[in-house]
Amino acid sequence: MPYKKQPSTLEIKGGIYFITFNTYERLELNNEARKVVLDACLYFHEKRYYLYIFVIMSDHVHLLIKPYPKSTDEYWSIGRILHSIKGYSSKQIPKVMKHIGKVWQDGRYDILIKNRQQFLNTWEYIRQNPVKEKYVDTPENYPFLWEVF
């Protein structure tokens, strides 16, 4: 289930989203930088959003996420969530790898999950990404894959 370049979807209260964002000019993140991104993604898990699964690849990130309510009539927006993840990690990555300049490409790709089958297919796509890219033989062996069981 490859993702296609598309404009951001309309955000729905209580929606679950498959989100992909890329490094700037396909910058290759080293393992320490991937760990920074992993920690940044987990920082607001169960506070501002619920993460079902995510993977940090060398040049992109996939998330399956459900934003939480910010107040009684407003949810945390995908834009604010990614601003937090990208902002923090872009300041920390130069501390763990040689890189000066922009870390993340502007924007994102996101898809609103419409049903259970799409949710399950997306979950499996994210899980298999490191295997497909030949980083590991099984998803469980990839240290930058995180999922709820």
Protein backbone atom coordinates (compact mmCIF):
# COMPACT_ATOMS: atom_id res chain seq x y z
CA MET A 1 0.00 0.00 0.00
CA PRO A 2 2.36 2.74 -1.13
CA TYR A 3 1.37 6.27 -0.27
CA LYS A 4 0.69 8.80 -2.99
CA LYS A 5 1.58 12.46 -2.93
CA GLN A 6 -1.60 14.29 -2.09
CA PRO A 7 -2.80 17.33 -0.24
CA SER A 8 -3.58 16.92 3.44
CA THR A 9 -6.98 15.48 4.21
CA LEU A 10 -9.71 17.29 6.07
CA GLU A 11 -9.30 16.48 9.75
CA ILE A 12 -12.25 14.74 11.40
CA LYS A 13 -12.83 14.81 15.17
CA GLY A 14 -11.91 11.38 16.52
CA GLY A 15 -10.37 10.31 13.21
CA ILE A 16 -7.44 7.93 12.84
CA TYR A 17 -4.77 8.90 10.30
CA PHE A 18 -1.94 7.30 8.39
CA ILE A 19 0.72 10.01 8.21
CA THR A 20 4.02 10.05 6.38
CA PHE A 21 6.66 12.76 6.53
CA ASN A 22 10.08 12.82 4.90
CA THR A 23 13.52 14.15 5.62
CA TYR A 24 14.65 17.15 3.62
CA GLU A 25 16.23 16.13 0.32
CA ARG A 26 16.14 12.49 1.53
CA LEU A 27 18.66 13.11 4.31
CA GLU A 28 19.72 9.71 5.71
CA LEU A 29 19.19 9.56 9.47
CA ASN A 30 21.69 7.51 11.42
CA ASN A 31 20.56 5.19 14.22
CA GLU A 32 21.05 7.81 16.93
CA ALA A 33 18.94 10.29 14.95
CA ARG A 34 16.22 7.66 14.44
CA LYS A 35 16.16 7.12 18.21
CA VAL A 36 15.70 10.88 18.71
CA VAL A 37 12.69 10.79 16.36
CA LEU A 38 11.29 7.69 18.05
CA ASP A 39 11.49 9.40 21.45
CA ALA A 40 9.92 12.58 20.03
CA CYS A 41 6.98 10.59 18.64
CA LEU A 42 6.42 8.86 21.98
CA TYR A 43 6.68 12.01 24.08
CA PHE A 44 2.99 13.02 23.78
CA HIS A 45 1.62 9.50 23.23
CA GLU A 46 -1.50 9.11 25.38
CA LYS A 47 -1.41 12.85 26.16
CA ARG A 48 -2.10 14.62 22.85
CA TYR A 49 -2.61 11.56 20.65
CA TYR A 50 -2.74 7.80 20.61
CA LEU A 51 -0.11 6.01 18.53
CA TYR A 52 -1.05 2.57 17.28
CA ILE A 53 2.14 1.93 15.38
CA PHE A 54 4.95 3.92 13.82
CA VAL A 55 8.28 3.34 12.11
CA ILE A 56 11.30 5.57 11.68
CA MET A 57 13.07 4.76 8.42
CA SER A 58 16.33 6.30 7.21
CA ASP A 59 14.56 9.10 5.31
CA HIS A 60 10.88 9.03 6.32
CA VAL A 61 8.45 8.29 9.13
CA HIS A 62 5.09 6.50 9.04
CA LEU A 63 2.54 6.97 11.85
CA LEU A 64 -0.88 5.48 12.53
CA ILE A 65 -2.30 7.99 14.99
CA LYS A 66 -5.49 9.27 16.59
CA PRO A 67 -5.36 12.89 17.84
CA TYR A 68 -6.94 13.48 21.26
CA PRO A 69 -9.30 16.30 22.22
CA LYS A 70 -7.48 19.48 23.21
CA SER A 71 -10.60 20.89 24.85
CA THR A 72 -14.31 20.06 24.76
CA ASP A 73 -14.71 21.35 21.20
CA GLU A 74 -11.20 21.10 19.69
CA TYR A 75 -8.76 18.29 18.87
CA TRP A 76 -4.99 18.44 18.59
CA SER A 77 -4.39 19.07 14.90
CA ILE A 78 -2.06 16.92 12.85
CA GLY A 79 -0.15 20.10 12.03
CA ARG A 80 0.47 20.88 15.73
CA ILE A 81 1.39 17.28 16.49
CA LEU A 82 3.94 17.15 13.66
CA HIS A 83 5.25 20.61 14.50
CA SER A 84 6.10 19.28 17.95
CA ILE A 85 7.75 16.07 16.67
CA LYS A 86 9.63 17.72 13.82
CA GLY A 87 10.57 20.82 15.81
CA TYR A 88 12.06 18.96 18.75
CA SER A 89 13.82 16.31 16.66
CA SER A 90 15.28 18.86 14.23
CA LYS A 91 17.01 20.56 17.16
CA GLN A 92 18.31 17.27 18.60
CA ILE A 93 19.42 15.47 15.41
CA PRO A 94 22.47 17.74 14.78
CA LYS A 95 23.71 16.69 18.24
CA VAL A 96 23.89 13.03 17.21
CA MET A 97 24.93 13.23 13.54
CA LYS A 98 26.83 15.60 11.30
CA HIS A 99 24.16 17.76 9.73
CA ILE A 100 23.69 21.48 9.42
CA GLY A 101 20.47 22.88 8.04
CA LYS A 102 16.98 21.69 7.46
CA VAL A 103 16.10 18.18 8.66
CA TRP A 104 12.45 17.74 7.60
CA GLN A 105 10.69 18.36 4.33
CA ASP A 106 7.77 20.76 4.68
CA GLY A 107 4.34 19.20 4.75
CA ARG A 108 3.17 15.65 5.05
CA TYR A 109 1.06 12.98 3.42
CA ASP A 110 -1.97 11.89 5.39
CA ILE A 111 -4.92 9.61 4.83
CA LEU A 112 -8.03 9.38 7.00
CA ILE A 113 -8.63 5.73 7.89
CA LYS A 114 -12.19 4.89 6.86
CA ASN A 115 -12.73 1.34 8.11
CA ARG A 116 -11.27 -1.59 10.02
CA GLN A 117 -9.79 -3.29 6.93
CA GLN A 118 -7.98 -0.13 5.87
CA PHE A 119 -6.71 0.23 9.45
CA LEU A 120 -5.36 -3.35 9.46
CA ASN A 121 -3.83 -3.01 5.99
CA THR A 122 -2.12 0.24 7.00
CA TRP A 123 -0.81 -1.31 10.22
CA GLU A 124 0.71 -4.19 8.26
CA TYR A 125 2.17 -1.83 5.65
CA ILE A 126 3.94 0.14 8.40
CA ARG A 127 5.14 -3.07 10.11
CA GLN A 128 6.56 -4.47 6.89
CA ASN A 129 8.31 -1.27 5.77
CA PRO A 130 11.71 -2.18 7.32
CA VAL A 131 11.45 -5.70 5.84
CA LYS A 132 10.52 -4.36 2.40
CA GLU A 133 13.54 -2.04 2.53
CA LYS A 134 15.72 -5.03 3.56
CA TYR A 135 16.78 -3.50 6.89
CA VAL A 136 15.70 -6.67 8.73
CA ASP A 137 14.16 -10.09 8.06
CA THR A 138 11.24 -9.62 10.45
CA PRO A 139 9.58 -6.45 11.76
CA GLU A 140 10.30 -7.47 15.36
CA ASN A 141 14.03 -7.12 14.69
CA TYR A 142 13.81 -3.46 13.69
CA PRO A 143 14.60 -1.21 16.68
CA PHE A 144 12.79 1.84 15.28
CA LEU A 145 9.40 0.18 14.91
CA TRP A 146 6.98 0.72 17.78
CA GLU A 147 3.50 -0.71 18.07
CA VAL A 148 0.76 -1.23 20.66
CA PHE A 149 -0.33 -4.81 21.23
